[in-house]
Amino acid sequence: MANNKEELLKQLADAVVDMDEEKAVELAQIIVAEGIDAYEAIEKGLSAGMEVAGRLFEEEEYFIPELLMCSDAMYAGLGVLKPHLKAKEGAAEEKVKVVIGVIEGDTHDIGKNLVKILLETSGYEIIDLGRDISPQKFIDAAKEQDAKIIAISTLMTTTMDGLAEVIRLLRQQDIREQFKVMVGGAPVSQAFADKIGADSYAVNAATAVRLARQLTDGVA
């Protein structure tokens, strides 16, 4: 097995797509031993693999059982890498709060969990509501916690309207300008985010971190 960094990261991504837990653990251990940054391994290995798996799911080449086995492989690798995560440089001393969750009617939280981990590593304080969360509960939590970002995901087309409902309720309650709303998930697109008036659309976990920084630049 080649120990070239890019090759190792590609193999880690492939292990996720191939639903191979043992291989994911083995590669993660090699990555740690080689001194490769754990954050980069999650972003370019595990997260990249789940992005491919999500695309295969969307194209109906993979179904829920396959997607779950891919997530098992991802979590197996994550278990090895997570203890080696280091706080990213430039993280704010006073942490910006992010309320995150999966919209009501959807219990698929793989992508949400990846976004949570990378945001935490980047210095954000995460209020994780979990999955199957009503639109109003996102708003209540954001108000209670004085959060700056509301991050909502879904993996199902049937629950996408819930993302729009969060923004509708924020406007109805005249508090839309208090929060930045980030949306994501396999069926979500930039066009959909624009249509519902979201502040940003993240295609994957690494993009979510970059967008969060843009949304909160200069905000304590």
C-alpha atoms as a PDB file:
ATOM      1  CA  MET A   1       0.000   0.000   0.000  1.00  0.00           C
ATOM      2  CA  ALA A   2       1.423   3.311  -1.091  1.00  0.00           C
ATOM      3  CA  ASN A   3       1.943   5.825   1.696  1.00  0.00           C
ATOM      4  CA  ASN A   4       1.615   8.845  -0.572  1.00  0.00           C
ATOM      5  CA  LYS A   5      -0.749  11.276   1.165  1.00  0.00           C
ATOM      6  CA  GLU A   6      -3.106  11.874  -1.749  1.00  0.00           C
ATOM      7  CA  GLU A   7      -3.270   8.141  -2.461  1.00  0.00           C
ATOM      8  CA  LEU A   8      -4.050   7.368   1.174  1.00  0.00           C
ATOM      9  CA  LEU A   9      -6.831   9.945   1.235  1.00  0.00           C
ATOM     10  CA  LYS A  10      -8.293   8.550  -1.985  1.00  0.00           C
ATOM     11  CA  GLN A  11      -8.156   5.027  -0.579  1.00  0.00           C
ATOM     12  CA  LEU A  12      -9.903   6.241   2.570  1.00  0.00           C
ATOM     13  CA  ALA A  13     -12.670   7.794   0.466  1.00  0.00           C
ATOM     14  CA  ASP A  14     -12.939   4.575  -1.539  1.00  0.00           C
ATOM     15  CA  ALA A  15     -13.218   2.523   1.664  1.00  0.00           C
ATOM     16  CA  VAL A  16     -16.281   4.569   2.616  1.00  0.00           C
ATOM     17  CA  VAL A  17     -17.846   4.147  -0.831  1.00  0.00           C
ATOM     18  CA  ASP A  18     -17.035   0.421  -0.735  1.00  0.00           C
ATOM     19  CA  MET A  19     -18.658   0.089   2.721  1.00  0.00           C
ATOM     20  CA  ASP A  20     -15.418  -1.407   4.107  1.00  0.00           C
ATOM     21  CA  GLU A  21     -15.173  -0.607   7.837  1.00  0.00           C
ATOM     22  CA  GLU A  22     -11.980  -2.574   8.437  1.00  0.00           C
ATOM     23  CA  LYS A  23     -10.204  -0.861   5.549  1.00  0.00           C
ATOM     24  CA  ALA A  24     -11.358   2.553   6.751  1.00  0.00           C
ATOM     25  CA  VAL A  25      -9.922   1.872  10.215  1.00  0.00           C
ATOM     26  CA  GLU A  26      -6.669   0.489   8.788  1.00  0.00           C
ATOM     27  CA  LEU A  27      -6.183   3.491   6.502  1.00  0.00           C
ATOM     28  CA  ALA A  28      -7.066   5.970   9.247  1.00  0.00           C
ATOM     29  CA  GLN A  29      -4.444   4.359  11.481  1.00  0.00           C
ATOM     30  CA  ILE A  30      -1.836   4.641   8.730  1.00  0.00           C
ATOM     31  CA  ILE A  31      -2.788   8.286   8.167  1.00  0.00           C
ATOM     32  CA  VAL A  32      -2.302   9.032  11.873  1.00  0.00           C
ATOM     33  CA  ALA A  33       1.027   7.165  11.902  1.00  0.00           C
ATOM     34  CA  GLU A  34       2.177   9.134   8.831  1.00  0.00           C
ATOM     35  CA  GLY A  35       1.426  12.406  10.604  1.00  0.00           C
ATOM     36  CA  ILE A  36      -1.180  13.498   8.067  1.00  0.00           C
ATOM     37  CA  ASP A  37      -3.569  16.143   9.402  1.00  0.00           C
ATOM     38  CA  ALA A  38      -6.706  14.452  10.760  1.00  0.00           C
ATOM     39  CA  TYR A  39      -8.932  17.346   9.646  1.00  0.00           C
ATOM     40  CA  GLU A  40      -7.659  16.985   6.082  1.00  0.00           C
ATOM     41  CA  ALA A  41      -8.211  13.215   6.246  1.00  0.00           C
ATOM     42  CA  ILE A  42     -11.827  13.758   7.327  1.00  0.00           C
ATOM     43  CA  GLU A  43     -12.407  16.423   4.684  1.00  0.00           C
ATOM     44  CA  LYS A  44     -10.660  14.786   1.705  1.00  0.00           C
ATOM     45  CA  GLY A  45     -11.118  11.156   2.738  1.00  0.00           C
ATOM     46  CA  LEU A  46     -14.203  10.374   4.813  1.00  0.00           C
ATOM     47  CA  SER A  47     -16.294  13.375   3.784  1.00  0.00           C
ATOM     48  CA  ALA A  48     -15.339  12.986   0.128  1.00  0.00           C
ATOM     49  CA  GLY A  49     -16.349   9.325   0.287  1.00  0.00           C
ATOM     50  CA  MET A  50     -19.731  10.172   1.801  1.00  0.00           C
ATOM     51  CA  GLU A  51     -20.249  12.797  -0.884  1.00  0.00           C
ATOM     52  CA  VAL A  52     -19.791  10.100  -3.539  1.00  0.00           C
ATOM     53  CA  ALA A  53     -22.091   7.753  -1.625  1.00  0.00           C
ATOM     54  CA  GLY A  54     -24.700  10.510  -1.424  1.00  0.00           C
ATOM     55  CA  ARG A  55     -24.463  11.055  -5.169  1.00  0.00           C
ATOM     56  CA  LEU A  56     -24.882   7.313  -5.798  1.00  0.00           C
ATOM     57  CA  PHE A  57     -27.929   7.390  -3.523  1.00  0.00           C
ATOM     58  CA  GLU A  58     -29.356  10.318  -5.451  1.00  0.00           C
ATOM     59  CA  GLU A  59     -28.773   8.438  -8.722  1.00  0.00           C
ATOM     60  CA  GLU A  60     -30.484   5.368  -7.214  1.00  0.00           C
ATOM     61  CA  GLU A  61     -27.379   3.201  -7.558  1.00  0.00           C
ATOM     62  CA  TYR A  62     -27.230   3.032  -3.763  1.00  0.00           C
ATOM     63  CA  PHE A  63     -30.217   2.775  -1.470  1.00  0.00           C
ATOM     64  CA  ILE A  64     -30.693   3.313   2.276  1.00  0.00           C
ATOM     65  CA  PRO A  65     -28.970   0.019   3.326  1.00  0.00           C
ATOM     66  CA  GLU A  66     -25.879   0.843   1.252  1.00  0.00           C
ATOM     67  CA  LEU A  67     -25.827   4.413   2.502  1.00  0.00           C
ATOM     68  CA  LEU A  68     -25.985   3.202   6.091  1.00  0.00           C
ATOM     69  CA  MET A  69     -23.082   0.796   5.509  1.00  0.00           C
ATOM     70  CA  CYS A  70     -21.088   3.647   3.963  1.00  0.00           C
ATOM     71  CA  SER A  71     -21.794   5.705   7.071  1.00  0.00           C
ATOM     72  CA  ASP A  72     -20.654   2.807   9.268  1.00  0.00           C
ATOM     73  CA  ALA A  73     -17.327   2.809   7.415  1.00  0.00           C
ATOM     74  CA  MET A  74     -17.108   6.586   7.755  1.00  0.00           C
ATOM     75  CA  TYR A  75     -17.765   6.478  11.500  1.00  0.00           C
ATOM     76  CA  ALA A  76     -15.230   3.675  11.921  1.00  0.00           C
ATOM     77  CA  GLY A  77     -12.542   5.838  10.326  1.00  0.00           C
ATOM     78  CA  LEU A  78     -13.756   8.874  12.236  1.00  0.00           C
ATOM     79  CA  GLY A  79     -13.322   7.013  15.522  1.00  0.00           C
ATOM     80  CA  VAL A  80      -9.601   6.722  14.764  1.00  0.00           C
ATOM     81  CA  LEU A  81      -9.131  10.269  13.451  1.00  0.00           C
ATOM     82  CA  LYS A  82     -11.255  12.350  15.817  1.00  0.00           C
ATOM     83  CA  PRO A  83      -8.893  12.124  18.843  1.00  0.00           C
ATOM     84  CA  HIS A  84      -6.155  13.603  16.636  1.00  0.00           C
ATOM     85  CA  LEU A  85      -8.091  16.685  15.509  1.00  0.00           C
ATOM     86  CA  LYS A  86      -6.423  19.961  16.395  1.00  0.00           C
ATOM     87  CA  ALA A  87      -8.194  23.297  16.662  1.00  0.00           C
ATOM     88  CA  LYS A  88      -7.837  25.131  13.364  1.00  0.00           C
ATOM     89  CA  GLU A  89      -5.762  28.293  13.333  1.00  0.00           C
ATOM     90  CA  GLY A  90      -7.751  31.484  13.262  1.00  0.00           C
ATOM     91  CA  ALA A  91     -10.602  30.155  15.384  1.00  0.00           C
ATOM     92  CA  ALA A  92     -12.341  32.942  17.221  1.00  0.00           C
ATOM     93  CA  GLU A  93     -11.569  33.307  20.927  1.00  0.00           C
ATOM     94  CA  GLU A  94     -15.241  33.941  21.611  1.00  0.00           C
ATOM     95  CA  LYS A  95     -16.989  31.117  19.808  1.00  0.00           C
ATOM     96  CA  VAL A  96     -19.767  31.845  17.339  1.00  0.00           C
ATOM     97  CA  LYS A  97     -22.795  29.660  18.033  1.00  0.00           C
ATOM     98  CA  VAL A  98     -24.381  27.499  15.353  1.00  0.00           C
ATOM     99  CA  VAL A  99     -27.720  25.725  15.759  1.00  0.00           C
ATOM    100  CA  ILE A 100     -27.669  22.625  13.564  1.00  0.00           C
ATOM    101  CA  GLY A 101     -30.116  19.846  12.848  1.00  0.00           C
ATOM    102  CA  VAL A 102     -32.034  17.733  10.339  1.00  0.00           C
ATOM    103  CA  ILE A 103     -35.459  19.027   9.375  1.00  0.00           C
ATOM    104  CA  GLU A 104     -38.723  17.493  10.531  1.00  0.00           C
ATOM    105  CA  GLY A 105     -39.651  14.252   8.767  1.00  0.00           C
ATOM    106  CA  ASP A 106     -36.045  13.222   8.062  1.00  0.00           C
ATOM    107  CA  THR A 107     -33.874  11.039  10.301  1.00  0.00           C
ATOM    108  CA  HIS A 108     -30.742  10.908   8.111  1.00  0.00           C
ATOM    109  CA  ASP A 109     -28.004  12.714  10.023  1.00  0.00           C
ATOM    110  CA  ILE A 110     -24.749  11.515   8.448  1.00  0.00           C
ATOM    111  CA  GLY A 111     -24.002  14.769   6.654  1.00  0.00           C
ATOM    112  CA  LYS A 112     -25.137  16.868   9.594  1.00  0.00           C
ATOM    113  CA  ASN A 113     -22.765  15.022  11.907  1.00  0.00           C
ATOM    114  CA  LEU A 114     -19.810  15.626   9.588  1.00  0.00           C
ATOM    115  CA  VAL A 115     -20.603  19.334   9.364  1.00  0.00           C
ATOM    116  CA  LYS A 116     -20.878  19.470  13.159  1.00  0.00           C
ATOM    117  CA  ILE A 117     -17.456  17.868  13.670  1.00  0.00           C
ATOM    118  CA  LEU A 118     -15.675  20.125  11.188  1.00  0.00           C
ATOM    119  CA  LEU A 119     -17.350  23.270  12.537  1.00  0.00           C
ATOM    120  CA  GLU A 120     -16.407  22.316  16.111  1.00  0.00           C
ATOM    121  CA  THR A 121     -12.831  21.774  15.004  1.00  0.00           C
ATOM    122  CA  SER A 122     -12.890  25.195  13.348  1.00  0.00           C
ATOM    123  CA  GLY A 123     -13.795  26.883  16.624  1.00  0.00           C
ATOM    124  CA  TYR A 124     -17.583  27.169  16.499  1.00  0.00           C
ATOM    125  CA  GLU A 125     -19.868  26.298  19.395  1.00  0.00           C
ATOM    126  CA  ILE A 126     -22.434  23.818  18.097  1.00  0.00           C
ATOM    127  CA  ILE A 127     -25.949  23.380  19.438  1.00  0.00           C
ATOM    128  CA  ASP A 128     -26.928  20.047  17.879  1.00  0.00           C
ATOM    129  CA  LEU A 129     -30.701  19.599  17.864  1.00  0.00           C
ATOM    130  CA  GLY A 130     -30.439  16.167  16.247  1.00  0.00           C
ATOM    131  CA  ARG A 131     -32.835  14.957  13.585  1.00  0.00           C
ATOM    132  CA  ASP A 132     -36.554  15.243  12.765  1.00  0.00           C
ATOM    133  CA  ILE A 133     -36.643  18.816  14.111  1.00  0.00           C
ATOM    134  CA  SER A 134     -39.598  21.149  13.528  1.00  0.00           C
ATOM    135  CA  PRO A 135     -38.966  24.534  11.882  1.00  0.00           C
ATOM    136  CA  GLN A 136     -40.056  26.457  14.981  1.00  0.00           C
ATOM    137  CA  LYS A 137     -37.682  24.453  17.194  1.00  0.00           C
ATOM    138  CA  PHE A 138     -34.726  25.663  15.102  1.00  0.00           C
ATOM    139  CA  ILE A 139     -35.861  29.236  15.691  1.00  0.00           C
ATOM    140  CA  ASP A 140     -36.533  28.771  19.402  1.00  0.00           C
ATOM    141  CA  ALA A 141     -33.072  27.252  19.933  1.00  0.00           C
ATOM    142  CA  ALA A 142     -31.340  30.000  17.930  1.00  0.00           C
ATOM    143  CA  LYS A 143     -33.089  32.707  19.973  1.00  0.00           C
ATOM    144  CA  GLU A 144     -32.434  30.980  23.286  1.00  0.00           C
ATOM    145  CA  GLN A 145     -28.763  30.349  22.547  1.00  0.00           C
ATOM    146  CA  ASP A 146     -28.132  33.677  20.791  1.00  0.00           C
ATOM    147  CA  ALA A 147     -26.809  31.769  17.783  1.00  0.00           C
ATOM    148  CA  LYS A 148     -25.578  33.492  14.636  1.00  0.00           C
ATOM    149  CA  ILE A 149     -26.167  30.615  12.202  1.00  0.00           C
ATOM    150  CA  ILE A 150     -29.021  28.165  11.728  1.00  0.00           C
ATOM    151  CA  ALA A 151     -27.784  25.166   9.710  1.00  0.00           C
ATOM    152  CA  ILE A 152     -30.467  22.833   8.373  1.00  0.00           C
ATOM    153  CA  SER A 153     -30.099  19.669   6.312  1.00  0.00           C
ATOM    154  CA  THR A 154     -32.267  17.051   4.666  1.00  0.00           C
ATOM    155  CA  LEU A 155     -31.607  13.988   2.563  1.00  0.00           C
ATOM    156  CA  MET A 156     -35.190  13.685   1.350  1.00  0.00           C
ATOM    157  CA  THR A 157     -37.017  15.690  -1.307  1.00  0.00           C
ATOM    158  CA  THR A 158     -40.270  15.236   0.632  1.00  0.00           C
ATOM    159  CA  THR A 159     -38.984  17.328   3.550  1.00  0.00           C
ATOM    160  CA  MET A 160     -37.327  20.151   1.617  1.00  0.00           C
ATOM    161  CA  ASP A 161     -40.290  22.464   2.219  1.00  0.00           C
ATOM    162  CA  GLY A 162     -39.370  22.429   5.911  1.00  0.00           C
ATOM    163  CA  LEU A 163     -36.205  24.388   5.094  1.00  0.00           C
ATOM    164  CA  ALA A 164     -38.299  27.067   3.418  1.00  0.00           C
ATOM    165  CA  GLU A 165     -40.659  27.062   6.406  1.00  0.00           C
ATOM    166  CA  VAL A 166     -37.824  28.016   8.786  1.00  0.00           C
ATOM    167  CA  ILE A 167     -37.111  31.123   6.725  1.00  0.00           C
ATOM    168  CA  ARG A 168     -40.823  31.901   6.341  1.00  0.00           C
ATOM    169  CA  LEU A 169     -41.287  31.773  10.124  1.00  0.00           C
ATOM    170  CA  LEU A 170     -38.228  33.954  10.711  1.00  0.00           C
ATOM    171  CA  ARG A 171     -39.729  36.569   8.395  1.00  0.00           C
ATOM    172  CA  GLN A 172     -43.172  36.214   9.931  1.00  0.00           C
ATOM    173  CA  GLN A 173     -41.689  36.830  13.378  1.00  0.00           C
ATOM    174  CA  ASP A 174     -39.676  39.776  12.031  1.00  0.00           C
ATOM    175  CA  ILE A 175     -36.341  38.275  13.111  1.00  0.00           C
ATOM    176  CA  ARG A 176     -34.971  37.118   9.740  1.00  0.00           C
ATOM    177  CA  GLU A 177     -32.031  39.541   9.902  1.00  0.00           C
ATOM    178  CA  GLN A 178     -30.868  38.166  13.263  1.00  0.00           C
ATOM    179  CA  PHE A 179     -29.714  34.829  11.854  1.00  0.00           C
ATOM    180  CA  LYS A 180     -27.774  33.485   8.894  1.00  0.00           C
ATOM    181  CA  VAL A 181     -29.461  30.384   7.463  1.00  0.00           C
ATOM    182  CA  MET A 182     -27.325  27.679   5.874  1.00  0.00           C
ATOM    183  CA  VAL A 183     -28.907  24.724   4.066  1.00  0.00           C
ATOM    184  CA  GLY A 184     -27.538  21.486   2.658  1.00  0.00           C
ATOM    185  CA  GLY A 185     -28.178  17.844   1.829  1.00  0.00           C
ATOM    186  CA  ALA A 186     -28.315  15.636  -1.258  1.00  0.00           C
ATOM    187  CA  PRO A 187     -31.536  17.013  -2.835  1.00  0.00           C
ATOM    188  CA  VAL A 188     -30.729  20.645  -2.002  1.00  0.00           C
ATOM    189  CA  SER A 189     -29.137  22.898  -4.617  1.00  0.00           C
ATOM    190  CA  GLN A 190     -27.925  26.476  -4.916  1.00  0.00           C
ATOM    191  CA  ALA A 191     -31.026  27.236  -6.982  1.00  0.00           C
ATOM    192  CA  PHE A 192     -33.271  25.922  -4.195  1.00  0.00           C
ATOM    193  CA  ALA A 193     -31.339  27.890  -1.568  1.00  0.00           C
ATOM    194  CA  ASP A 194     -31.746  31.058  -3.641  1.00  0.00           C
ATOM    195  CA  LYS A 195     -35.453  30.370  -4.150  1.00  0.00           C
ATOM    196  CA  ILE A 196     -36.218  30.062  -0.435  1.00  0.00           C
ATOM    197  CA  GLY A 197     -33.952  32.956   0.534  1.00  0.00           C
ATOM    198  CA  ALA A 198     -31.257  31.049   2.425  1.00  0.00           C
ATOM    199  CA  ASP A 199     -27.978  32.860   3.080  1.00  0.00           C
ATOM    200  CA  SER A 200     -25.840  30.010   1.808  1.00  0.00           C
ATOM    201  CA  TYR A 201     -25.854  26.476   0.435  1.00  0.00           C
ATOM    202  CA  ALA A 202     -23.138  24.004   1.377  1.00  0.00           C
ATOM    203  CA  VAL A 203     -22.504  21.119  -0.994  1.00  0.00           C
ATOM    204  CA  ASN A 204     -20.389  19.280   1.610  1.00  0.00           C
ATOM    205  CA  ALA A 205     -19.002  19.572   5.133  1.00  0.00           C
ATOM    206  CA  ALA A 206     -15.777  21.341   4.158  1.00  0.00           C
ATOM    207  CA  THR A 207     -17.713  23.929   2.153  1.00  0.00           C
ATOM    208  CA  ALA A 208     -20.007  24.468   5.152  1.00  0.00           C
ATOM    209  CA  VAL A 209     -17.001  25.514   7.243  1.00  0.00           C
ATOM    210  CA  ARG A 210     -15.766  27.976   4.629  1.00  0.00           C
ATOM    211  CA  LEU A 211     -19.248  29.465   4.235  1.00  0.00           C
ATOM    212  CA  ALA A 212     -19.728  29.742   7.993  1.00  0.00           C
ATOM    213  CA  ARG A 213     -16.534  31.787   8.169  1.00  0.00           C
ATOM    214  CA  GLN A 214     -17.791  34.075   5.403  1.00  0.00           C
ATOM    215  CA  LEU A 215     -21.183  34.483   7.102  1.00  0.00           C
ATOM    216  CA  THR A 216     -19.691  35.317  10.482  1.00  0.00           C
ATOM    217  CA  ASP A 217     -16.647  37.317   9.439  1.00  0.00           C
ATOM    218  CA  GLY A 218     -16.199  39.974  12.097  1.00  0.00           C
ATOM    219  CA  VAL A 219     -19.087  38.647  14.185  1.00  0.00           C
ATOM    220  CA  ALA A 220     -18.432  37.742  17.827  1.00  0.00           C
END
